[in-house]
Protein backbone atom coordinates (compact mmCIF):
# COMPACT_ATOMS: atom_id res chain seq x y z
CA MET A 1 246.09 85.41 78.75
CA ALA A 2 247.61 83.96 75.23
CA GLN A 3 248.03 86.09 72.19
CA ASP A 4 245.73 84.98 69.46
CA ASN A 5 246.96 83.04 67.04
CA SER A 6 245.22 80.71 64.06
CA SER A 7 244.58 77.71 65.85
CA VAL A 8 242.93 79.62 68.79
CA ARG A 9 241.10 81.06 66.39
CA THR A 10 239.76 78.42 64.25
CA GLY A 11 239.35 76.13 67.43
CA SER A 12 237.54 78.62 69.60
CA THR A 13 235.48 79.18 66.47
CA MET A 14 234.79 75.50 65.75
CA MET A 15 233.72 75.08 69.71
CA LEU A 16 231.50 78.08 69.46
CA ILE A 17 229.69 76.51 66.49
CA ALA A 18 229.49 73.23 68.63
CA GLY A 19 227.89 75.31 71.42
CA LEU A 20 225.10 76.90 69.05
CA ALA A 21 224.24 73.48 67.29
CA PHE A 22 223.75 72.17 71.39
CA ILE A 23 221.52 75.11 71.41
CA GLY A 24 219.83 74.27 68.07
CA TYR A 25 219.32 70.65 69.44
CA ALA A 26 217.62 71.64 72.62
CA VAL A 27 215.49 74.07 70.74
CA VAL A 28 214.10 70.92 68.34
CA PHE A 29 213.98 68.99 71.62
CA PHE A 30 211.89 71.59 73.28
CA ILE A 31 209.68 72.05 70.41
CA ARG A 32 209.08 68.42 69.74
CA SER A 33 207.91 68.20 73.24
CA PHE A 34 204.85 70.00 72.23
CA THR A 35 204.21 68.74 68.82
CA GLY A 36 205.70 65.31 67.97
CA THR A 37 203.99 62.36 67.73
CA GLY A 38 206.53 59.99 69.66
CA PHE A 39 207.97 60.71 72.65
CA GLU A 40 211.14 62.22 71.80
CA LEU A 41 213.47 62.84 68.37
CA GLY A 42 214.24 59.09 67.17
CA VAL A 43 212.09 57.35 70.02
CA GLU A 44 208.44 56.46 68.42
CA THR A 45 207.30 54.04 70.67
CA LEU A 46 208.26 52.52 74.23
CA ASN A 47 208.15 48.76 73.75
CA GLY A 48 205.53 49.16 71.07
CA VAL A 49 203.47 51.51 73.05
CA THR A 50 202.63 55.24 71.28
CA LYS A 51 202.67 58.03 73.39
CA GLU A 52 198.72 58.11 72.51
CA GLN A 53 198.46 54.57 73.67
CA LEU A 54 199.94 55.75 76.95
CA ASN A 55 198.38 59.30 77.33
CA ALA A 56 195.01 56.73 77.18
CA LEU A 57 196.22 54.93 80.01
CA ASN A 58 197.63 57.57 81.98
CA PRO A 59 197.92 60.86 81.21
CA ALA A 60 200.20 61.80 84.09
CA VAL A 61 202.78 59.98 82.86
CA VAL A 62 203.13 61.38 79.50
CA TYR A 63 202.93 64.92 81.12
CA TYR A 64 205.42 63.77 83.52
CA ILE A 65 207.86 62.41 80.84
CA ASN A 66 207.34 65.66 78.50
CA HIS A 67 208.35 67.73 81.48
CA LEU A 68 211.44 65.97 81.98
CA HIS A 69 212.03 66.67 78.23
CA ILE A 70 211.45 70.08 78.60
CA ALA A 71 213.97 70.19 81.40
CA THR A 72 216.37 68.50 79.92
CA ALA A 73 216.34 70.81 76.64
CA GLY A 74 216.77 73.39 79.25
CA PHE A 75 219.88 72.25 80.53
CA ILE A 76 221.17 71.45 76.99
CA ALA A 77 220.86 74.66 75.95
CA ALA A 78 222.19 76.09 78.90
CA THR A 79 225.07 74.11 78.52
CA GLY A 80 225.35 75.33 74.54
CA ILE A 81 224.71 78.91 75.88
CA ALA A 82 227.97 78.35 78.42
CA VAL A 83 230.21 76.46 75.72
CA ALA A 84 229.38 79.50 73.01
CA ALA A 85 230.03 82.26 75.14
CA LEU A 86 233.30 80.68 77.14
CA SER A 87 234.60 79.69 73.62
CA TRP A 88 234.19 83.39 71.89
CA TRP A 89 235.02 85.51 74.78
CA GLY A 90 237.26 83.04 76.87
CA VAL A 91 239.27 80.33 74.40
CA ARG A 92 239.74 82.80 71.62
CA LYS A 93 241.54 84.87 73.95
CA GLY A 94 243.50 81.82 75.03
CA GLU A 95 242.00 82.02 78.20
CA TRP A 96 242.69 78.70 80.26
CA TRP A 97 240.23 78.61 82.67
CA ALA A 98 237.46 79.09 80.05
CA TRP A 99 238.86 76.35 78.02
CA TRP A 100 238.88 74.02 81.15
CA THR A 101 235.28 75.39 81.69
CA ALA A 102 233.93 75.00 78.07
CA LEU A 103 235.49 71.38 78.13
CA VAL A 104 233.90 70.04 81.24
CA SER A 105 230.67 71.25 80.77
CA PRO A 106 229.16 68.85 77.58
CA VAL A 107 231.54 66.31 79.15
CA VAL A 108 230.03 66.28 82.37
CA GLY A 109 226.27 66.04 80.71
CA LEU A 110 227.41 63.80 78.02
CA ALA A 111 229.02 61.55 80.74
CA VAL A 112 225.50 61.39 82.82
CA ALA A 113 223.11 61.16 80.31
CA LEU A 114 224.60 58.93 77.26
CA PRO A 115 225.26 55.20 79.10
CA MET A 116 221.45 54.79 79.69
CA HIS A 117 220.94 54.52 75.74
CA TYR A 118 223.01 51.53 75.77
CA PHE A 119 221.20 49.39 78.16
CA GLY A 120 218.71 48.22 75.72
CA HIS A 121 215.28 48.89 77.76
CA PHE A 122 214.24 50.81 74.63
CA SER A 123 214.70 51.69 71.01
CA PHE A 124 215.86 54.71 69.43
CA ASN A 125 216.64 55.41 65.87
CA TRP A 126 220.38 56.10 66.70
CA VAL A 127 220.51 58.83 63.79
CA SER A 128 217.70 61.03 64.47
CA HIS A 129 218.04 60.83 68.43
CA LEU A 130 221.91 60.39 69.09
CA GLY A 131 223.51 61.64 65.72
CA PRO A 132 222.58 65.02 66.08
CA ILE A 133 224.39 65.91 69.29
CA TYR A 134 227.33 63.23 68.21
CA LEU A 135 228.15 65.14 65.25
CA ALA A 136 227.90 68.56 67.28
CA THR A 137 230.27 66.80 70.13
CA LEU A 138 232.30 65.81 67.29
CA LEU A 139 232.93 69.31 65.94
CA PHE A 140 233.69 70.55 69.86
CA ALA A 141 236.07 68.06 70.61
CA ILE A 142 238.14 68.54 67.16
CA GLY A 143 237.81 72.61 67.74
CA ALA A 144 238.71 72.23 71.56
CA LEU A 145 241.81 70.00 70.57
CA GLN A 146 242.74 72.53 67.80
CA ALA A 147 242.51 75.46 70.54
CA LEU A 148 244.28 73.55 73.01
CA ARG A 149 247.35 72.94 70.04
CA GLY A 150 247.45 76.74 69.77
CA MET A 151 247.51 77.60 73.46
CA LEU A 152 249.97 75.16 74.11
CA GLN A 153 252.14 76.59 71.40
CA LYS A 154 251.96 80.08 73.00
CA GLY A 155 252.96 78.89 76.36
CA ALA A 156 255.87 77.23 74.69
CA SER A 157 257.23 80.21 72.96
């Protein structure tokens, strides 16, 4: 186990904050499934069809979409919890296994989820739909690199 240093502390704290931001995004995503007028954050219509119009046509489809959003919110929250815990109790102590696990968890989620947004099959507000998760991911990446720098320095000494 590497000894504590400021780079590892700063990086793991940034990773922790990003994990908490993932959880916050998931909570908003979850609440919006029940209270929002659109389909999800930044997606008010699907090719001009509102949620209300689709519900009038086929309520089962709207219910199914909501169920997928609730499940997605759960997986985003679970990833955030894992990242936050690994960052605080593992990365902060210089544990390589924790750094790698904290890194891989959101990368897999993003690698699966993000490409679908760029096929052009539906319109969305980039800032409200992807902006928050991109900001949290940027903070996470900076923190992970900062922690890595500190962990590598410890290994060299």
